[in-house]
Amino acid sequence: MTVRELKSTLSFFFISLLFLVNGGNGEDPYLFYTWKVTYGDIYPLGVKQTGILINGQFPGPQIDCVTNNNLIISVYNYLREPLLISWNGLQQRRNSWQDGVYGTTCPIPPGKNFTYMLQAKDQIGTFFYFPSLGMQKAAGGFGSIKISSRPRIPVPFPPPSGDYAILAGDWFRRSHRQLQLILDAGHNLPFPDGLLINGRGWNGYTFNVDQGKTYRFRISNVGLATSINFRIQGHKMKLVEVEGSHTLQNFYYSLDIHLGQSYSVLVTADQPPKDYYIAVSSRFTSRVLTTTAILHYSNSFTRVSGPPPSGPTIDIASSVMQARSIRWNLTASGPRPNPQGSYHYGLIKPSRTIILANSAPYINGKQRYAVNSVSFTPADTPLKLADYFNIGGVFNLGSIPDHPTWGNAYLATSVMAADYRTFIEIVFQNWEDTVQSWHIDGYSFFVVGMDGGQWTPASRSRYNLRDTVARCTTQVYPRSWTAIYMALDNVGMWNIRSENWARQYLGQQFYLRVYTASLSWRDEYPIPKNALLCGRARGRHTRPL
């Protein structure tokens, strides 16, 4: 054990002792993880590549916790470059310090470690984590997050016989550094080389099931550039959860899952005993990529043969209809013992409407991407630290308008101001010919409407104000709009971004500063004692223990 690891172990012992003492006061349980992040050889498409491993695993280890569990994750960075881990869907209540994106957190330098202190506060469902700096996501380092309901909270379906995570998405044979160089040179990424299921290519992964039993599959699209379609040969899928919301339990033979999205389905092994394809294919691409895994019945003696089941390709109308069919289960409990529908979002009038239009401008002769004509450029200091230490010149509030200007695009460290405890409407307007996927850190929002063409105030007449699903990532179809309602109940500096990682890297993102003048811990936690300090925050002090 190195000196650094010994110090971390002693620190862990002290933290554990502190938590055990406080445990008598009814504090929620703590789960401790130690992750060693390294490079390693992987063969996802049959060709050796250098991947990012966590504890030697690709994909990384699954986080398996319960509502309100505290997660203490000590990350050792053995890469040759800085590292940040972000937690796609964990809301980080009052705690944007732990969000793991550069706008909030200093990267972990090579050879150093950092301990994330997270809580699955008032959440259930399926999410994932990933490395958020540069194009590191293209090298791996991602894994599944499963948040189960507390034992006394009823779940609207019987316990399944098994619970499987599926991390699917596109993959490139080029290294993440090569992809980053392509983007830095002002070019678009090439077409992906293939698709993966849990880090493996064609028929590379097997899920074992017993005849007659029901299993839960948690599917996340962890790719960089492509929406996918998911299906299981000969089997219906009952949708039961989307990013923390129990849904009406509709049956589907295939599901479109856009970049950054997560779904849970129940599948009953009720077919003749043999092996079946689990198929994933690209959506809305001129060339269709497909990969498969195997659903193996324990009493099967027949291997899969022939082509896998085909799925939809470029048809948009069916995808829109499917998206609109996903509704909230109003009779089910969420993380607390009360019906999810008891919070009537449709009865609250938004106090502000924000319209966000994506675009793909060229700036200084290079391909960039923008929101309301502003292409985001990172500052030399994380925005949250600059805000906390009152460091001037890092960002300006109002550096991005809250409506499209349709003017010439420009570069800026874009931050939008918002007030705590307001209820807002956000419209994502997409005039491009590609599907967009938008994610908001720190929040779950209500997807109240989507349609083609230009959004106008009259579009509100088509909103679903009764039982739309609440989630953290939503798609916007080509030349279409998607509208969401969101209660700004989480103070902090929050990233709003494209989940298409090339677009995010080249500027299709910004930060929403949700502000209150209160200094109470009830509204926001103070800066962590172990916060890394970089840029113009270097040399400052966090706080005493």
Protein backbone atom coordinates (compact mmCIF):
# COMPACT_ATOMS: atom_id res chain seq x y z
CA MET A 1 0.00 0.00 0.00
CA THR A 2 1.37 3.39 -0.97
CA VAL A 3 1.64 6.30 1.47
CA ARG A 4 -1.15 8.09 -0.40
CA GLU A 5 -3.46 5.06 -0.15
CA LEU A 6 -2.61 4.65 3.55
CA LYS A 7 -3.56 8.27 4.22
CA SER A 8 -6.82 7.76 2.32
CA THR A 9 -7.56 4.59 4.31
CA LEU A 10 -7.02 6.44 7.60
CA SER A 11 -9.24 9.24 6.34
CA PHE A 12 -11.89 6.66 5.45
CA PHE A 13 -11.62 5.18 8.97
CA PHE A 14 -12.16 8.61 10.51
CA ILE A 15 -15.15 9.33 8.25
CA SER A 16 -16.60 5.88 9.00
CA LEU A 17 -16.23 6.44 12.75
CA LEU A 18 -17.91 9.81 12.46
CA PHE A 19 -20.79 8.27 10.50
CA LEU A 20 -21.20 5.43 13.01
CA VAL A 21 -21.44 7.95 15.82
CA ASN A 22 -24.03 9.94 13.91
CA GLY A 23 -25.85 6.75 12.94
CA GLY A 24 -27.52 6.72 16.35
CA ASN A 25 -29.33 9.87 15.28
CA GLY A 26 -31.10 7.99 12.50
CA GLU A 27 -28.81 9.04 9.65
CA ASP A 28 -29.21 7.19 6.34
CA PRO A 29 -26.80 4.33 5.60
CA TYR A 30 -23.36 4.92 4.05
CA LEU A 31 -21.83 2.86 1.27
CA PHE A 32 -18.08 3.09 0.64
CA TYR A 33 -16.32 2.51 -2.67
CA THR A 34 -12.69 2.71 -3.70
CA TRP A 35 -12.13 3.07 -7.44
CA LYS A 36 -8.78 2.85 -9.20
CA VAL A 37 -9.06 4.38 -12.66
CA THR A 38 -6.45 3.08 -15.09
CA TYR A 39 -5.79 2.48 -18.76
CA GLY A 40 -6.05 -1.08 -20.02
CA ASP A 41 -6.42 -3.18 -23.13
CA ILE A 42 -9.98 -3.77 -24.30
CA TYR A 43 -11.36 -5.52 -27.41
CA PRO A 44 -14.88 -4.11 -27.82
CA LEU A 45 -15.04 -4.55 -31.62
CA GLY A 46 -12.47 -7.33 -31.92
CA VAL A 47 -9.57 -4.88 -32.22
CA LYS A 48 -7.29 -4.03 -29.30
CA GLN A 49 -7.83 -0.53 -27.95
CA THR A 50 -6.73 1.36 -24.87
CA GLY A 51 -9.74 1.84 -22.64
CA ILE A 52 -10.46 3.52 -19.31
CA LEU A 53 -11.02 0.86 -16.64
CA ILE A 54 -12.36 1.18 -13.11
CA ASN A 55 -10.92 -1.46 -10.80
CA GLY A 56 -9.86 -3.29 -13.96
CA GLN A 57 -13.43 -3.41 -15.31
CA PHE A 58 -14.95 -2.18 -18.58
CA PRO A 59 -17.69 -1.09 -18.14
CA GLY A 60 -17.08 0.00 -14.58
CA PRO A 61 -18.66 -1.52 -11.42
CA GLN A 62 -22.36 -1.02 -10.84
CA ILE A 63 -23.46 1.26 -8.00
CA ASP A 64 -26.29 -0.57 -6.25
CA CYS A 65 -27.96 1.51 -3.54
CA VAL A 66 -31.29 2.43 -1.92
CA THR A 67 -33.15 5.74 -1.73
CA ASN A 68 -31.31 8.25 0.52
CA ASN A 69 -28.17 6.12 0.82
CA ASN A 70 -24.98 8.13 1.15
CA LEU A 71 -22.28 7.14 -1.34
CA ILE A 72 -18.64 7.76 -0.44
CA ILE A 73 -16.61 7.07 -3.60
CA SER A 74 -12.85 7.55 -3.43
CA VAL A 75 -11.49 7.86 -6.98
CA TYR A 76 -7.78 7.31 -7.63
CA ASN A 77 -6.68 8.72 -10.97
CA TYR A 78 -3.92 6.60 -12.48
CA LEU A 79 -4.43 8.06 -15.95
CA ARG A 80 -1.91 10.36 -17.60
CA GLU A 81 -4.48 13.16 -17.76
CA PRO A 82 -6.96 14.88 -15.41
CA LEU A 83 -10.23 13.09 -14.67
CA LEU A 84 -13.76 13.90 -13.54
CA ILE A 85 -16.61 11.46 -12.97
CA SER A 86 -20.15 12.76 -13.46
CA TRP A 87 -23.33 11.08 -12.25
CA ASN A 88 -25.95 11.22 -15.01
CA GLY A 89 -29.32 11.58 -13.24
CA LEU A 90 -28.23 11.85 -9.60
CA GLN A 91 -29.70 15.19 -8.55
CA GLN A 92 -27.03 16.17 -6.02
CA ARG A 93 -29.61 17.87 -3.82
CA ARG A 94 -28.15 21.15 -2.44
CA ASN A 95 -24.76 19.87 -3.52
CA SER A 96 -23.65 20.86 -7.03
CA TRP A 97 -20.11 20.66 -5.62
CA GLN A 98 -20.23 16.91 -6.30
CA ASP A 99 -21.67 17.08 -9.83
CA GLY A 100 -18.43 16.09 -11.53
CA VAL A 101 -18.43 18.48 -14.50
CA TYR A 102 -15.81 21.15 -15.05
CA GLY A 103 -18.21 24.01 -14.37
CA THR A 104 -18.53 22.85 -10.77
CA THR A 105 -15.50 20.75 -9.88
CA CYS A 106 -11.73 20.86 -10.39
CA PRO A 107 -10.42 17.77 -12.18
CA ILE A 108 -8.51 15.08 -10.31
CA PRO A 109 -4.86 15.49 -11.40
CA PRO A 110 -2.92 12.44 -12.62
CA GLY A 111 -1.66 10.40 -9.71
CA LYS A 112 -4.04 12.02 -7.21
CA ASN A 113 -7.35 11.01 -5.64
CA PHE A 114 -10.62 12.67 -4.70
CA THR A 115 -13.51 11.40 -2.59
CA TYR A 116 -17.01 12.13 -3.88
CA MET A 117 -19.69 12.34 -1.19
CA LEU A 118 -23.07 11.80 -2.86
CA GLN A 119 -26.58 11.02 -1.69
CA ALA A 120 -29.38 9.31 -3.62
CA LYS A 121 -31.71 11.81 -1.98
CA ASP A 122 -35.41 11.12 -2.62
CA GLN A 123 -34.64 9.19 -5.79
CA ILE A 124 -35.31 5.78 -7.28
CA GLY A 125 -34.53 4.37 -10.69
CA THR A 126 -31.90 3.79 -13.34
CA PHE A 127 -29.00 6.10 -14.15
CA PHE A 128 -25.29 5.89 -15.04
CA TYR A 129 -21.94 7.56 -14.44
CA PHE A 130 -19.21 8.48 -16.92
CA PRO A 131 -15.95 10.49 -17.29
CA SER A 132 -16.99 14.02 -18.28
CA LEU A 133 -13.75 15.71 -19.39
CA GLY A 134 -12.93 16.10 -23.07
CA MET A 135 -13.80 12.98 -25.05
CA GLN A 136 -12.83 10.49 -22.30
CA LYS A 137 -16.31 9.01 -22.46
CA ALA A 138 -15.25 7.51 -25.82
CA ALA A 139 -12.72 5.33 -23.97
CA GLY A 140 -15.06 3.83 -21.36
CA GLY A 141 -15.07 4.63 -17.66
CA PHE A 142 -18.85 4.43 -17.50
CA GLY A 143 -21.10 2.22 -15.38
CA SER A 144 -24.66 1.71 -14.17
CA ILE A 145 -26.37 3.28 -11.15
CA LYS A 146 -29.33 1.41 -9.66
CA ILE A 147 -31.36 3.09 -6.90
CA SER A 148 -33.91 0.76 -5.31
CA SER A 149 -36.93 1.78 -3.27
CA ARG A 150 -36.72 1.55 0.52
CA PRO A 151 -38.11 -1.73 1.89
CA ARG A 152 -41.40 -0.30 3.17
CA ILE A 153 -42.17 1.67 -0.01
CA PRO A 154 -44.48 -0.32 -2.33
CA VAL A 155 -43.26 -0.91 -5.89
CA PRO A 156 -45.96 -1.30 -8.59
CA PHE A 157 -44.84 -4.76 -9.71
CA PRO A 158 -43.69 -7.99 -8.04
CA PRO A 159 -39.97 -8.39 -7.34
CA PRO A 160 -38.33 -9.71 -10.52
CA SER A 161 -36.28 -12.90 -10.53
CA GLY A 162 -33.26 -10.99 -11.76
CA ASP A 163 -32.15 -7.41 -12.37
CA TYR A 164 -29.82 -6.78 -15.31
CA ALA A 165 -28.10 -3.55 -16.41
CA ILE A 166 -27.54 -2.96 -20.12
CA LEU A 167 -25.16 -0.17 -21.12
CA ALA A 168 -25.54 0.21 -24.88
CA GLY A 169 -24.33 2.74 -27.39
CA ASP A 170 -22.13 3.58 -30.34
CA TRP A 171 -18.38 3.05 -30.34
CA PHE A 172 -15.34 4.30 -32.27
CA ARG A 173 -12.14 2.43 -33.04
CA ARG A 174 -10.21 5.69 -32.85
CA SER A 175 -8.94 6.63 -29.40
CA HIS A 176 -10.58 9.39 -27.40
CA ARG A 177 -7.50 11.55 -28.00
CA GLN A 178 -7.78 11.10 -31.77
CA LEU A 179 -11.47 11.99 -31.67
CA GLN A 180 -10.69 15.08 -29.63
CA LEU A 181 -8.04 16.16 -32.16
CA ILE A 182 -10.59 15.82 -34.96
CA LEU A 183 -12.99 18.10 -33.10
CA ASP A 184 -10.25 20.56 -32.14
CA ALA A 185 -9.35 20.85 -35.82
CA GLY A 186 -12.89 22.02 -36.55
CA HIS A 187 -14.26 18.85 -38.12
CA ASN A 188 -17.21 16.60 -37.33
CA LEU A 189 -16.71 13.13 -35.89
CA PRO A 190 -16.68 10.24 -38.37
CA PHE A 191 -19.55 7.77 -38.39
CA PRO A 192 -19.30 5.31 -35.46
CA ASP A 193 -17.63 1.97 -36.16
CA GLY A 194 -20.17 -0.12 -34.29
CA LEU A 195 -22.45 -0.56 -31.29
CA LEU A 196 -21.71 -2.20 -27.94
CA ILE A 197 -23.77 -3.94 -25.28
CA ASN A 198 -21.97 -3.90 -21.92
CA GLY A 199 -18.66 -3.24 -23.60
CA ARG A 200 -18.90 -6.09 -26.10
CA GLY A 201 -19.78 -6.50 -29.74
CA TRP A 202 -21.82 -9.03 -31.69
CA ASN A 203 -23.17 -11.86 -29.44
CA GLY A 204 -20.53 -10.91 -26.90
CA TYR A 205 -22.74 -10.92 -23.80
CA THR A 206 -25.24 -13.47 -22.45
CA PHE A 207 -28.17 -12.93 -20.07
CA ASN A 208 -29.39 -16.14 -18.40
CA VAL A 209 -33.08 -16.60 -17.59
CA ASP A 210 -35.29 -19.41 -16.28
CA GLN A 211 -38.44 -20.51 -18.08
CA GLY A 212 -41.56 -18.70 -16.85
CA LYS A 213 -39.78 -16.15 -14.68
CA THR A 214 -39.77 -12.35 -15.07
CA TYR A 215 -36.64 -10.20 -15.22
CA ARG A 216 -35.91 -6.50 -15.09
CA PHE A 217 -33.62 -4.97 -17.71
CA ARG A 218 -32.26 -1.47 -17.08
CA ILE A 219 -31.13 -0.01 -20.41
CA SER A 220 -29.03 3.14 -20.75
CA ASN A 221 -27.73 4.75 -23.94
CA VAL A 222 -24.14 5.64 -23.03
CA GLY A 223 -23.07 6.40 -26.60
CA LEU A 224 -21.60 9.57 -28.03
CA ALA A 225 -23.62 10.34 -31.14
CA THR A 226 -26.48 7.96 -31.92
CA SER A 227 -30.01 7.19 -30.78
CA ILE A 228 -30.63 3.46 -30.52
CA ASN A 229 -33.53 1.04 -30.76
CA PHE A 230 -33.69 -1.86 -28.29
CA ARG A 231 -35.66 -5.11 -28.69
CA ILE A 232 -35.64 -8.75 -27.58
CA GLN A 233 -36.50 -11.36 -30.18
CA GLY A 234 -39.96 -12.88 -29.64
CA HIS A 235 -40.54 -11.11 -26.30
CA LYS A 236 -42.69 -8.21 -25.20
CA MET A 237 -41.24 -5.59 -22.90
CA LYS A 238 -43.32 -3.98 -20.17
CA LEU A 239 -42.04 -0.47 -19.47
CA VAL A 240 -42.03 0.22 -15.72
CA GLU A 241 -39.59 3.08 -15.05
CA VAL A 242 -37.91 5.98 -16.85
CA GLU A 243 -35.09 7.85 -15.10
CA GLY A 244 -36.68 7.74 -11.67
CA SER A 245 -40.39 7.74 -12.57
CA HIS A 246 -42.65 4.70 -12.46
CA THR A 247 -44.60 4.63 -15.73
CA LEU A 248 -47.87 3.26 -16.97
CA GLN A 249 -47.02 -0.34 -17.74
CA ASN A 250 -47.45 -0.37 -21.50
CA PHE A 251 -46.03 -3.18 -23.63
CA TYR A 252 -43.53 -2.53 -26.42
CA TYR A 253 -41.78 -4.75 -28.93
CA SER A 254 -39.03 -2.17 -29.38
CA LEU A 255 -37.96 1.02 -27.60
CA ASP A 256 -36.16 4.08 -28.91
CA ILE A 257 -33.58 5.22 -26.37
CA HIS A 258 -31.87 8.51 -27.13
CA LEU A 259 -28.45 9.65 -25.99
CA GLY A 260 -28.17 9.79 -22.20
CA GLN A 261 -31.58 8.21 -21.55
CA SER A 262 -32.38 5.23 -19.29
CA TYR A 263 -35.37 2.88 -19.27
CA SER A 264 -36.44 -0.14 -17.19
CA VAL A 265 -38.51 -2.95 -18.67
CA LEU A 266 -39.87 -6.25 -17.36
CA VAL A 267 -39.48 -9.27 -19.63
CA THR A 268 -41.07 -12.66 -18.95
CA ALA A 269 -39.31 -15.75 -20.26
CA ASP A 270 -42.55 -17.20 -21.65
CA GLN A 271 -41.33 -18.44 -25.03
CA PRO A 272 -40.19 -21.95 -26.11
CA PRO A 273 -36.83 -22.78 -24.47
CA LYS A 274 -34.00 -21.72 -26.77
CA ASP A 275 -31.66 -18.76 -27.20
CA TYR A 276 -32.94 -15.40 -28.48
CA TYR A 277 -31.29 -12.27 -29.80
CA ILE A 278 -31.20 -9.07 -27.79
CA ALA A 279 -30.77 -6.52 -30.56
CA VAL A 280 -29.64 -2.90 -30.54
CA SER A 281 -29.55 -0.85 -33.74
CA SER A 282 -28.90 2.77 -34.60
CA ARG A 283 -31.83 5.11 -35.20
CA PHE A 284 -32.12 7.95 -37.74
CA THR A 285 -28.85 7.06 -39.48
CA SER A 286 -28.41 6.52 -43.21
CA ARG A 287 -26.31 3.43 -42.51
CA VAL A 288 -27.81 1.19 -39.83
CA LEU A 289 -25.49 -0.28 -37.21
CA THR A 290 -26.62 -3.36 -35.30
CA THR A 291 -25.23 -5.45 -32.49
CA THR A 292 -26.63 -8.30 -30.41
CA ALA A 293 -26.43 -10.06 -27.08
CA ILE A 294 -27.99 -13.40 -26.15
CA LEU A 295 -31.03 -14.13 -23.99
CA HIS A 296 -30.31 -17.71 -22.91
CA TYR A 297 -33.00 -19.92 -21.38
CA SER A 298 -31.44 -22.19 -18.75
CA ASN A 299 -33.16 -25.22 -20.32
CA SER A 300 -32.15 -24.26 -23.87
CA PHE A 301 -30.17 -26.50 -26.19
CA THR A 302 -30.72 -24.37 -29.30
CA ARG A 303 -28.41 -21.51 -30.17
CA VAL A 304 -29.50 -18.39 -32.02
CA SER A 305 -29.33 -18.52 -35.78
CA GLY A 306 -30.28 -16.35 -38.70
CA PRO A 307 -30.59 -12.56 -38.70
CA PRO A 308 -31.63 -10.68 -35.55
CA PRO A 309 -35.07 -9.05 -35.48
CA SER A 310 -35.18 -5.88 -37.53
CA GLY A 311 -36.13 -2.55 -35.99
CA PRO A 312 -37.23 0.89 -37.13
CA THR A 313 -34.61 2.95 -38.94
CA ILE A 314 -35.27 6.54 -40.08
CA ASP A 315 -39.04 6.77 -39.42
CA ILE A 316 -39.68 9.62 -37.00
CA ALA A 317 -43.48 9.49 -36.65
CA SER A 318 -43.43 6.14 -34.82
CA SER A 319 -40.77 7.42 -32.43
CA VAL A 320 -42.84 10.51 -31.62
CA MET A 321 -45.93 8.37 -30.99
CA GLN A 322 -43.93 6.09 -28.71
CA ALA A 323 -42.53 9.06 -26.76
CA ARG A 324 -46.02 10.45 -26.22
CA SER A 325 -47.26 7.06 -24.99
CA ILE A 326 -44.84 7.10 -22.03
CA ARG A 327 -46.89 8.36 -19.08
CA TRP A 328 -46.51 8.58 -15.33
CA ASN A 329 -48.05 5.92 -13.11
CA LEU A 330 -50.13 8.20 -10.88
CA THR A 331 -51.09 5.42 -8.46
CA ALA A 332 -47.53 4.30 -7.71
CA SER A 333 -45.31 5.51 -4.93
CA GLY A 334 -42.04 7.20 -5.72
CA PRO A 335 -39.14 7.46 -3.27
CA ARG A 336 -41.61 8.45 -0.54
CA PRO A 337 -44.84 6.67 0.57
CA ASN A 338 -47.19 8.90 -1.42
CA PRO A 339 -48.65 8.66 -4.92
CA GLN A 340 -46.44 10.25 -7.55
CA GLY A 341 -49.41 12.17 -8.92
CA SER A 342 -50.02 14.10 -5.71
CA TYR A 343 -47.75 16.87 -7.04
CA HIS A 344 -49.90 18.55 -9.69
CA TYR A 345 -47.36 20.23 -11.93
CA GLY A 346 -50.15 21.09 -14.36
CA LEU A 347 -51.82 23.42 -11.86
CA ILE A 348 -48.77 25.67 -11.44
CA LYS A 349 -48.31 28.60 -13.78
CA PRO A 350 -44.69 29.08 -14.86
CA SER A 351 -43.23 32.45 -13.94
CA ARG A 352 -40.72 32.42 -16.79
CA THR A 353 -40.35 30.90 -20.26
CA ILE A 354 -36.88 30.10 -21.58
CA ILE A 355 -36.50 29.13 -25.25
CA LEU A 356 -33.27 27.34 -26.22
CA ALA A 357 -32.40 26.94 -29.90
CA ASN A 358 -29.48 24.75 -30.95
CA SER A 359 -27.37 25.55 -34.00
CA ALA A 360 -24.21 24.41 -35.79
CA PRO A 361 -22.27 27.57 -36.75
CA TYR A 362 -18.73 27.95 -38.00
CA ILE A 363 -16.73 30.32 -35.81
CA ASN A 364 -13.22 31.37 -36.82
CA GLY A 365 -13.41 28.84 -39.65
CA LYS A 366 -14.10 25.88 -37.38
CA GLN A 367 -17.19 23.82 -36.68
CA ARG A 368 -18.82 24.79 -33.40
CA TYR A 369 -22.23 24.20 -31.80
CA ALA A 370 -24.26 26.78 -29.96
CA VAL A 371 -27.29 27.54 -27.80
CA ASN A 372 -29.08 30.80 -28.63
CA SER A 373 -26.05 31.74 -30.76
CA VAL A 374 -23.59 31.28 -27.85
CA SER A 375 -20.97 28.55 -28.12
CA PHE A 376 -19.70 27.65 -24.65
CA THR A 377 -16.00 27.82 -23.86
CA PRO A 378 -14.70 26.59 -20.48
CA ALA A 379 -13.18 29.16 -18.14
CA ASP A 380 -9.83 28.73 -16.43
CA THR A 381 -11.63 28.21 -13.11
CA PRO A 382 -14.73 26.10 -12.35
CA LEU A 383 -17.72 28.45 -12.30
CA LYS A 384 -19.00 27.21 -8.96
CA LEU A 385 -15.67 27.99 -7.29
CA ALA A 386 -15.51 31.42 -8.92
CA ASP A 387 -19.01 32.13 -7.66
CA TYR A 388 -18.22 30.94 -4.13
CA PHE A 389 -14.94 32.90 -3.83
CA ASN A 390 -16.30 35.97 -5.68
CA ILE A 391 -13.56 35.74 -8.30
CA GLY A 392 -14.31 38.29 -11.01
CA GLY A 393 -13.71 37.90 -14.72
CA VAL A 394 -14.50 34.17 -14.88
CA PHE A 395 -18.10 34.44 -16.07
CA ASN A 396 -20.89 36.97 -16.40
CA LEU A 397 -24.52 36.35 -15.56
CA GLY A 398 -26.66 37.03 -18.60
CA SER A 399 -23.89 35.96 -20.98
CA ILE A 400 -26.50 33.86 -22.77
CA PRO A 401 -29.98 35.19 -23.67
CA ASP A 402 -33.04 33.20 -22.62
CA HIS A 403 -34.56 33.45 -26.14
CA PRO A 404 -32.95 32.88 -29.55
CA THR A 405 -31.42 35.99 -31.11
CA TRP A 406 -30.69 34.41 -34.51
CA GLY A 407 -27.62 36.65 -34.68
CA ASN A 408 -24.05 35.70 -35.48
CA ALA A 409 -22.72 32.99 -33.17
CA TYR A 410 -19.93 33.82 -30.75
CA LEU A 411 -17.81 32.18 -28.05
CA ALA A 412 -18.48 32.81 -24.35
CA THR A 413 -18.52 31.14 -20.94
CA SER A 414 -22.30 31.21 -20.89
CA VAL A 415 -24.16 31.32 -17.57
CA MET A 416 -27.89 32.05 -17.19
CA ALA A 417 -29.30 33.45 -13.94
CA ALA A 418 -32.36 31.93 -12.28
CA ASP A 419 -34.07 32.34 -8.91
CA TYR A 420 -34.53 29.60 -6.36
CA ARG A 421 -38.07 28.27 -5.87
CA THR A 422 -39.44 29.56 -9.15
CA PHE A 423 -41.35 27.36 -11.59
CA ILE A 424 -40.21 27.71 -15.19
CA GLU A 425 -41.03 26.54 -18.69
CA ILE A 426 -38.17 25.60 -21.04
CA VAL A 427 -38.72 25.09 -24.75
CA PHE A 428 -36.02 23.30 -26.75
CA GLN A 429 -36.35 24.45 -30.36
CA ASN A 430 -34.54 22.39 -32.99
CA TRP A 431 -34.33 23.70 -36.56
CA GLU A 432 -31.66 21.20 -37.58
CA ASP A 433 -32.20 17.92 -39.41
CA THR A 434 -30.86 15.72 -36.60
CA VAL A 435 -32.38 14.48 -33.36
CA GLN A 436 -31.16 16.41 -30.34
CA SER A 437 -30.85 15.02 -26.81
CA TRP A 438 -30.80 17.47 -23.89
CA HIS A 439 -29.84 16.78 -20.28
CA ILE A 440 -30.16 18.99 -17.18
CA ASP A 441 -27.98 18.21 -14.17
CA GLY A 442 -29.47 18.56 -10.70
CA TYR A 443 -33.09 18.19 -11.74
CA SER A 444 -35.95 16.03 -12.88
CA PHE A 445 -38.38 17.86 -15.17
CA PHE A 446 -41.82 17.24 -16.66
CA VAL A 447 -41.85 16.70 -20.44
CA VAL A 448 -45.17 18.40 -21.16
CA GLY A 449 -45.15 18.51 -24.95
CA MET A 450 -43.36 17.86 -28.24
CA ASP A 451 -44.34 18.53 -31.82
CA GLY A 452 -43.04 19.58 -35.19
CA GLY A 453 -42.37 23.10 -36.42
CA GLN A 454 -42.07 26.35 -34.51
CA TRP A 455 -43.18 26.57 -30.89
CA THR A 456 -45.59 29.41 -30.11
CA PRO A 457 -47.63 30.22 -27.00
CA ALA A 458 -50.56 28.53 -28.74
CA SER A 459 -48.59 25.27 -28.55
CA ARG A 460 -49.44 25.10 -24.85
CA SER A 461 -52.95 23.97 -25.74
CA ARG A 462 -51.41 20.61 -26.71
CA TYR A 463 -49.46 20.11 -23.45
CA ASN A 464 -50.05 17.08 -21.25
CA LEU A 465 -50.77 18.68 -17.88
CA ARG A 466 -51.95 15.50 -16.17
CA ASP A 467 -49.58 12.53 -16.32
CA THR A 468 -46.45 13.28 -18.30
CA VAL A 469 -43.31 11.52 -17.11
CA ALA A 470 -40.63 13.30 -15.07
CA ARG A 471 -37.06 12.66 -16.21
CA CYS A 472 -33.65 14.30 -16.64
CA THR A 473 -32.99 13.79 -20.38
CA THR A 474 -35.29 14.48 -23.31
CA GLN A 475 -35.11 14.25 -27.08
CA VAL A 476 -36.06 16.92 -29.61
CA TYR A 477 -36.92 15.62 -33.07
CA PRO A 478 -35.68 17.28 -36.28
CA ARG A 479 -37.32 20.63 -37.04
CA SER A 480 -39.40 20.22 -33.89
CA TRP A 481 -39.72 21.43 -30.33
CA THR A 482 -39.98 19.86 -26.88
CA ALA A 483 -41.32 21.74 -23.85
CA ILE A 484 -40.64 20.98 -20.19
CA TYR A 485 -41.79 22.34 -16.83
CA MET A 486 -39.25 22.48 -14.01
CA ALA A 487 -39.40 23.59 -10.38
CA LEU A 488 -36.12 25.31 -9.47
CA ASP A 489 -35.88 23.68 -6.06
CA ASN A 490 -32.16 22.89 -6.08
CA VAL A 491 -29.66 25.71 -5.48
CA GLY A 492 -26.40 25.47 -7.37
CA MET A 493 -24.56 25.81 -10.68
CA TRP A 494 -26.11 23.28 -13.07
CA ASN A 495 -25.01 22.11 -16.50
CA ILE A 496 -27.58 22.11 -19.31
CA ARG A 497 -26.05 20.29 -22.26
CA SER A 498 -26.40 18.26 -25.39
CA GLU A 499 -25.85 14.55 -24.75
CA ASN A 500 -24.33 14.30 -28.22
CA TRP A 501 -20.81 14.50 -26.86
CA ALA A 502 -19.19 16.17 -29.87
CA ARG A 503 -21.81 18.92 -29.74
CA GLN A 504 -21.32 19.30 -25.99
CA TYR A 505 -17.54 19.46 -26.41
CA LEU A 506 -17.82 22.10 -29.14
CA GLY A 507 -20.14 24.41 -27.25
CA GLN A 508 -23.74 23.18 -27.09
CA GLN A 509 -24.05 23.62 -23.35
CA PHE A 510 -24.29 26.32 -20.69
CA TYR A 511 -24.79 26.65 -16.92
CA LEU A 512 -27.91 27.64 -15.02
CA ARG A 513 -27.08 29.42 -11.76
CA VAL A 514 -30.00 28.80 -9.39
CA TYR A 515 -29.48 31.41 -6.70
CA THR A 516 -30.70 32.29 -3.24
CA ALA A 517 -29.30 34.93 -0.90
CA SER A 518 -29.77 32.53 2.01
CA LEU A 519 -26.65 31.00 3.51
CA SER A 520 -28.60 28.24 5.27
CA TRP A 521 -27.50 24.62 4.89
CA ARG A 522 -31.17 23.87 4.33
CA ASP A 523 -30.79 25.51 0.91
CA GLU A 524 -27.23 24.58 -0.06
CA TYR A 525 -24.35 22.70 1.51
CA PRO A 526 -21.12 24.65 2.08
CA ILE A 527 -18.03 23.98 0.02
CA PRO A 528 -16.64 20.51 0.88
CA LYS A 529 -13.59 20.41 3.11
CA ASN A 530 -11.82 18.22 0.52
CA ALA A 531 -12.76 20.33 -2.53
CA LEU A 532 -9.95 20.52 -5.07
CA LEU A 533 -8.88 24.08 -5.89
CA CYS A 534 -7.54 25.00 -9.31
CA GLY A 535 -7.27 27.94 -11.67
CA ARG A 536 -7.76 31.28 -9.93
CA ALA A 537 -9.15 29.47 -6.89
CA ARG A 538 -5.77 27.87 -6.18
CA GLY A 539 -4.40 28.90 -2.81
CA ARG A 540 -7.81 29.71 -1.35
CA HIS A 541 -9.18 27.90 1.69
CA THR A 542 -12.27 25.70 1.81
CA ARG A 543 -13.44 25.54 5.42
CA PRO A 544 -12.52 23.86 8.71
CA LEU A 545 -13.98 20.40 9.34
